[in-house]
Amino acid sequence: MRRKIVAGNWKMNGSKDLVQQLVGSVRSEAESLDNGVEVVIIPPAIYVSDVVAQAGERLMVGVQNVGQWSSGAYTGEIAAGMAKDQGCTYALVGHSERRQLFGETDDEVAAKVESLVASGLVAVVCVGETLEQREAGRAEAVVAAQVKAALANMAADQWGRVVVAYEPVWAIGTGKTATAEDAQAMHASIRQVLAEMSAPAESISLLYGGSVKADNAAALFAEPDIDGGLIGGASLKADDFVSICQAMPASTTS
C-alpha cells in the first residue's frame, strides 16, 4: 500500500509564536484522523527543532532544502545528516522556487537526492512545468526529464525513500489549480516514467501541489495515482490544513 501523505511547506514563513499555536492545533486534530494519512510539517530550517518539540508522535517533520555535501566549508548550507539529526523524516528537493530563484540545476537536484536517501531521509522530489511549456504541449516531456534526471542514480534498495511531488509551476501560489483529471493524467505519466526506470512504480507515493485547498482536496485525492498533497499557503492555517488532511480517503489504490 502506498503511503498517503499531506505535507505542509511553510516556505519562508514562521515564528516561534506560529510554531506554538499552529503545530499544537494541527497535532491535536491529527490525532483523531483515522484515514492513515501521514501529516508532515516542513518549516524553515531555523524552526525545525521547535516544530519537532511540538510535533509529538503523530506529526512528522521535514526540511525545505539541503546542500549536496555531507560537511565542509559551505557557509549557510545544512547537510542531510544534520536535518536527520534534528528529527526530520522528509526533505524537499528541486522545488520550482529553488530552480527558478536560486538557479538549482538538474545535476544539483540529483546530488541532493543521493545525499538525502543515503542519510535515511525521504526525498520529496519536486517536478513541474511552466505555463509556457504546458501551452506548447511539452508538459509531460518536461516533467519526465526532471524525474529521470533527479533519480538517475538511485540504487534498487533506495526507492523506498523517494516521493515525487508534481507541482505545475503555473499553479503554485496563484490560486490556479490543475483539474483533478489533468493532475491524474500527469501523475499516471510520472508513474509510467518510474516504471521505465525499473523503479517499483506502484509503491512510490506521488503528491500533487499547486494551490491545494480544502474545497478541492477531496477531488484530487480521489484520483487513483494521487497519493496526497504538498500544501503551501493553506498549511499556515490550522483549520484549512487539517481539512485537507481529512479529505484523504481511508483507502487508495495500492
Protein backbone atom coordinates (compact mmCIF):
# COMPACT_ATOMS: atom_id res chain seq x y z
CA MET A 1 0.00 0.00 0.00
CA ARG A 2 1.39 3.40 -0.95
CA ARG A 3 1.85 5.92 1.83
CA LYS A 4 -0.76 8.67 1.90
CA ILE A 5 0.95 11.95 2.72
CA VAL A 6 -0.14 15.53 3.28
CA ALA A 7 2.85 17.81 3.75
CA GLY A 8 2.74 21.50 4.60
CA ASN A 9 5.53 23.62 3.12
CA TRP A 10 5.70 26.83 5.13
CA LYS A 11 8.25 28.34 2.71
CA MET A 12 9.85 31.48 4.24
CA ASN A 13 7.12 32.00 6.83
CA GLY A 14 7.07 31.36 10.54
CA SER A 15 7.85 32.49 14.05
CA LYS A 16 8.12 30.88 17.46
CA ASP A 17 4.55 32.01 18.14
CA LEU A 18 3.30 30.43 14.92
CA VAL A 19 5.03 27.17 15.78
CA GLN A 20 3.46 27.17 19.23
CA GLN A 21 -0.06 27.89 18.01
CA LEU A 22 -0.20 26.12 14.65
CA VAL A 23 1.71 22.93 15.35
CA GLY A 24 -0.17 22.32 18.58
CA SER A 25 -3.53 22.77 16.86
CA VAL A 26 -2.61 20.55 13.92
CA ARG A 27 -1.22 17.85 16.21
CA SER A 28 -4.38 17.87 18.32
CA GLU A 29 -6.64 17.46 15.30
CA ALA A 30 -4.34 14.99 13.54
CA GLU A 31 -4.50 12.63 16.48
CA SER A 32 -8.16 11.95 15.65
CA LEU A 33 -7.55 11.18 11.96
CA ASP A 34 -8.29 7.57 11.11
CA ASN A 35 -7.59 7.61 7.35
CA GLY A 36 -3.95 6.56 7.64
CA VAL A 37 -2.54 9.82 6.29
CA GLU A 38 1.00 10.86 7.26
CA VAL A 39 0.90 14.53 8.25
CA VAL A 40 4.17 16.36 7.66
CA ILE A 41 5.18 19.92 8.56
CA ILE A 42 8.08 21.47 6.66
CA PRO A 43 9.08 24.79 8.26
CA PRO A 44 12.12 26.99 7.59
CA ALA A 45 15.20 25.17 8.87
CA ILE A 46 15.69 27.58 11.76
CA TYR A 47 12.37 26.41 13.26
CA VAL A 48 12.81 22.67 12.70
CA SER A 49 13.82 21.91 16.29
CA ASP A 50 10.88 23.96 17.63
CA VAL A 51 8.44 22.06 15.39
CA VAL A 52 9.97 18.71 16.37
CA ALA A 53 9.47 19.61 20.03
CA GLN A 54 5.77 20.32 19.39
CA ALA A 55 5.08 17.53 16.90
CA GLY A 56 4.64 14.62 19.24
CA GLU A 57 4.28 11.15 17.72
CA ARG A 58 1.52 11.99 15.23
CA LEU A 59 3.26 14.61 13.11
CA MET A 60 6.38 14.18 11.00
CA VAL A 61 8.79 16.98 10.21
CA GLY A 62 10.71 17.86 7.07
CA VAL A 63 13.23 20.41 5.87
CA GLN A 64 12.83 22.61 2.79
CA ASN A 65 16.32 22.25 1.35
CA VAL A 66 19.70 20.69 1.99
CA GLY A 67 23.13 21.04 0.45
CA GLN A 68 24.54 18.19 -1.59
CA TRP A 69 27.57 17.85 0.68
CA SER A 70 27.86 15.89 3.90
CA SER A 71 30.01 18.54 5.63
CA GLY A 72 32.62 21.16 4.90
CA ALA A 73 33.25 24.83 4.20
CA TYR A 74 29.83 25.69 2.77
CA THR A 75 28.66 28.66 4.80
CA GLY A 76 24.89 28.88 5.06
CA GLU A 77 24.21 25.30 3.95
CA ILE A 78 22.85 22.43 6.01
CA ALA A 79 23.58 18.77 5.35
CA ALA A 80 21.02 15.99 5.07
CA GLY A 81 22.60 14.29 8.07
CA MET A 82 22.08 17.45 10.14
CA ALA A 83 18.39 17.50 9.26
CA LYS A 84 18.13 13.84 10.22
CA ASP A 85 19.95 14.55 13.48
CA GLN A 86 17.40 17.27 14.31
CA GLY A 87 14.49 14.85 13.94
CA CYS A 88 13.45 15.33 10.32
CA THR A 89 11.99 12.46 8.32
CA TYR A 90 11.36 14.22 5.00
CA ALA A 91 13.16 16.79 2.86
CA LEU A 92 12.07 18.74 -0.19
CA VAL A 93 14.39 18.81 -3.16
CA GLY A 94 14.11 20.51 -6.54
CA HIS A 95 11.22 22.82 -5.67
CA SER A 96 10.48 25.19 -8.54
CA GLU A 97 11.37 28.19 -6.37
CA ARG A 98 14.82 26.68 -5.80
CA ARG A 99 15.18 26.05 -9.52
CA GLN A 100 13.90 29.44 -10.68
CA LEU A 101 15.10 31.82 -7.96
CA PHE A 102 18.38 30.15 -7.00
CA GLY A 103 19.39 28.52 -10.27
CA GLU A 104 19.29 24.97 -8.95
CA THR A 105 20.18 22.60 -11.78
CA ASP A 106 19.14 19.03 -12.53
CA ASP A 107 22.64 17.87 -11.57
CA GLU A 108 22.40 19.61 -8.19
CA VAL A 109 18.96 18.13 -7.59
CA ALA A 110 20.30 14.65 -8.35
CA ALA A 111 23.25 15.16 -5.98
CA LYS A 112 20.91 16.31 -3.22
CA VAL A 113 18.63 13.31 -3.74
CA GLU A 114 21.64 11.00 -3.39
CA SER A 115 22.69 12.73 -0.18
CA LEU A 116 19.18 12.58 1.26
CA VAL A 117 18.50 8.91 0.63
CA ALA A 118 21.99 7.97 1.84
CA SER A 119 21.25 9.80 5.12
CA GLY A 120 18.00 7.91 5.62
CA LEU A 121 15.67 10.82 4.90
CA VAL A 122 12.77 10.58 2.48
CA ALA A 123 13.40 12.82 -0.53
CA VAL A 124 10.30 14.63 -1.79
CA VAL A 125 11.39 15.31 -5.35
CA CYS A 126 9.50 18.26 -6.83
CA VAL A 127 8.83 18.41 -10.56
CA GLY A 128 6.59 20.56 -12.74
CA GLU A 129 6.21 22.55 -15.92
CA THR A 130 5.70 26.24 -16.60
CA LEU A 131 2.58 27.59 -18.29
CA GLU A 132 4.59 28.24 -21.46
CA GLN A 133 5.76 24.62 -21.54
CA ARG A 134 2.22 23.31 -20.98
CA GLU A 135 0.73 25.52 -23.70
CA ALA A 136 3.45 24.29 -26.07
CA GLY A 137 2.36 20.70 -25.47
CA ARG A 138 5.60 19.83 -23.67
CA ALA A 139 4.33 19.33 -20.12
CA GLU A 140 4.74 15.56 -19.92
CA ALA A 141 8.14 15.62 -21.63
CA VAL A 142 9.45 18.34 -19.31
CA VAL A 143 8.27 16.54 -16.18
CA ALA A 144 9.59 13.19 -17.41
CA ALA A 145 13.02 14.73 -18.00
CA GLN A 146 13.05 16.19 -14.48
CA VAL A 147 12.10 12.83 -12.93
CA LYS A 148 14.75 10.96 -14.90
CA ALA A 149 17.47 13.48 -14.08
CA ALA A 150 16.69 13.65 -10.36
CA LEU A 151 16.50 9.90 -9.86
CA ALA A 152 19.08 8.69 -12.37
CA ASN A 153 21.49 7.40 -9.72
CA MET A 154 19.09 5.59 -7.43
CA ALA A 155 20.09 2.13 -6.21
CA ALA A 156 17.48 -0.62 -6.12
CA ASP A 157 17.25 -0.54 -2.33
CA GLN A 158 16.76 3.25 -2.15
CA TRP A 159 13.40 3.70 -3.89
CA GLY A 160 11.54 3.36 -0.61
CA ARG A 161 12.99 6.73 0.40
CA VAL A 162 11.61 8.58 -2.62
CA VAL A 163 8.35 10.53 -3.02
CA VAL A 164 7.60 12.56 -6.14
CA ALA A 165 5.59 15.79 -5.88
CA TYR A 166 4.09 17.17 -9.08
CA GLU A 167 3.67 20.92 -8.82
CA PRO A 168 2.76 22.70 -12.04
CA VAL A 169 4.71 25.94 -11.75
CA TRP A 170 1.79 27.96 -13.06
CA ALA A 171 -0.40 26.78 -10.16
CA ILE A 172 1.95 27.45 -7.23
CA GLY A 173 0.65 30.31 -5.11
CA THR A 174 -1.50 31.63 -7.95
CA GLY A 175 -4.86 30.28 -6.88
CA LYS A 176 -4.99 28.28 -10.12
CA THR A 177 -5.21 24.52 -9.79
CA ALA A 178 -4.96 21.77 -12.35
CA THR A 179 -8.25 19.92 -12.70
CA ALA A 180 -8.33 16.58 -10.93
CA GLU A 181 -8.36 14.91 -14.34
CA ASP A 182 -5.31 16.85 -15.58
CA ALA A 183 -3.43 16.18 -12.35
CA GLN A 184 -4.27 12.48 -12.56
CA ALA A 185 -3.04 12.32 -16.16
CA MET A 186 0.32 13.76 -15.17
CA HIS A 187 0.63 11.51 -12.14
CA ALA A 188 -0.09 8.48 -14.31
CA SER A 189 2.58 9.68 -16.72
CA ILE A 190 5.09 10.05 -13.88
CA ARG A 191 4.31 6.55 -12.64
CA GLN A 192 4.94 5.22 -16.14
CA VAL A 193 8.30 7.02 -16.27
CA LEU A 194 9.25 5.46 -12.94
CA ALA A 195 8.31 2.02 -14.25
CA GLU A 196 10.52 2.59 -17.28
CA MET A 197 13.37 3.37 -14.88
CA SER A 198 12.88 -0.05 -13.25
CA ALA A 199 11.60 1.59 -10.08
CA PRO A 200 8.83 -0.07 -8.04
CA ALA A 201 6.44 2.48 -9.55
CA GLU A 202 3.26 1.16 -7.96
CA SER A 203 4.66 1.56 -4.45
CA ILE A 204 6.04 5.11 -4.80
CA SER A 205 3.81 7.87 -3.44
CA LEU A 206 3.01 10.73 -5.80
CA LEU A 207 1.79 14.03 -4.36
CA TYR A 208 0.04 16.93 -6.05
CA GLY A 209 0.92 20.52 -5.17
CA GLY A 210 -0.30 23.78 -6.60
CA SER A 211 -2.96 25.75 -4.72
CA VAL A 212 -4.48 22.73 -2.98
CA LYS A 213 -7.28 23.90 -0.71
CA ALA A 214 -9.93 22.33 1.49
CA ASP A 215 -12.54 22.69 -1.26
CA ASN A 216 -10.57 20.88 -3.99
CA ALA A 217 -8.52 18.38 -1.98
CA ALA A 218 -11.13 15.61 -1.93
CA ALA A 219 -11.49 15.58 -5.72
CA LEU A 220 -7.71 15.49 -6.19
CA PHE A 221 -7.14 12.78 -3.58
CA ALA A 222 -9.88 10.60 -5.09
CA GLU A 223 -7.80 10.07 -8.24
CA PRO A 224 -6.05 6.68 -8.35
CA ASP A 225 -2.48 7.94 -8.82
CA ILE A 226 -2.63 10.93 -6.44
CA ASP A 227 -1.46 9.81 -3.00
CA GLY A 228 -1.56 13.13 -1.19
CA GLY A 229 -0.59 16.75 -1.41
CA LEU A 230 2.24 19.21 -0.92
CA ILE A 231 0.47 22.21 0.53
CA GLY A 232 1.71 25.79 0.51
CA GLY A 233 -0.34 28.72 1.79
CA ALA A 234 -3.14 26.60 3.27
CA SER A 235 -0.63 24.88 5.57
CA LEU A 236 -0.25 28.15 7.51
CA LYS A 237 -3.85 27.98 8.71
CA ALA A 238 -4.55 25.09 11.06
CA ASP A 239 -8.23 24.66 10.14
CA ASP A 240 -7.51 24.68 6.40
CA PHE A 241 -4.58 22.30 6.69
CA VAL A 242 -6.48 19.85 8.89
CA SER A 243 -9.46 19.96 6.49
CA ILE A 244 -7.12 18.96 3.66
CA CYS A 245 -5.77 16.09 5.76
CA GLN A 246 -9.33 14.98 6.49
CA ALA A 247 -10.10 14.96 2.75
CA MET A 248 -7.81 11.97 2.22
CA PRO A 249 -9.94 8.86 1.64
CA ALA A 250 -9.48 5.98 4.06
CA SER A 251 -8.10 3.72 1.34
CA THR A 252 -6.37 4.25 -2.01
CA THR A 253 -5.15 2.12 -4.84
CA SER A 254 -2.08 0.10 -3.83
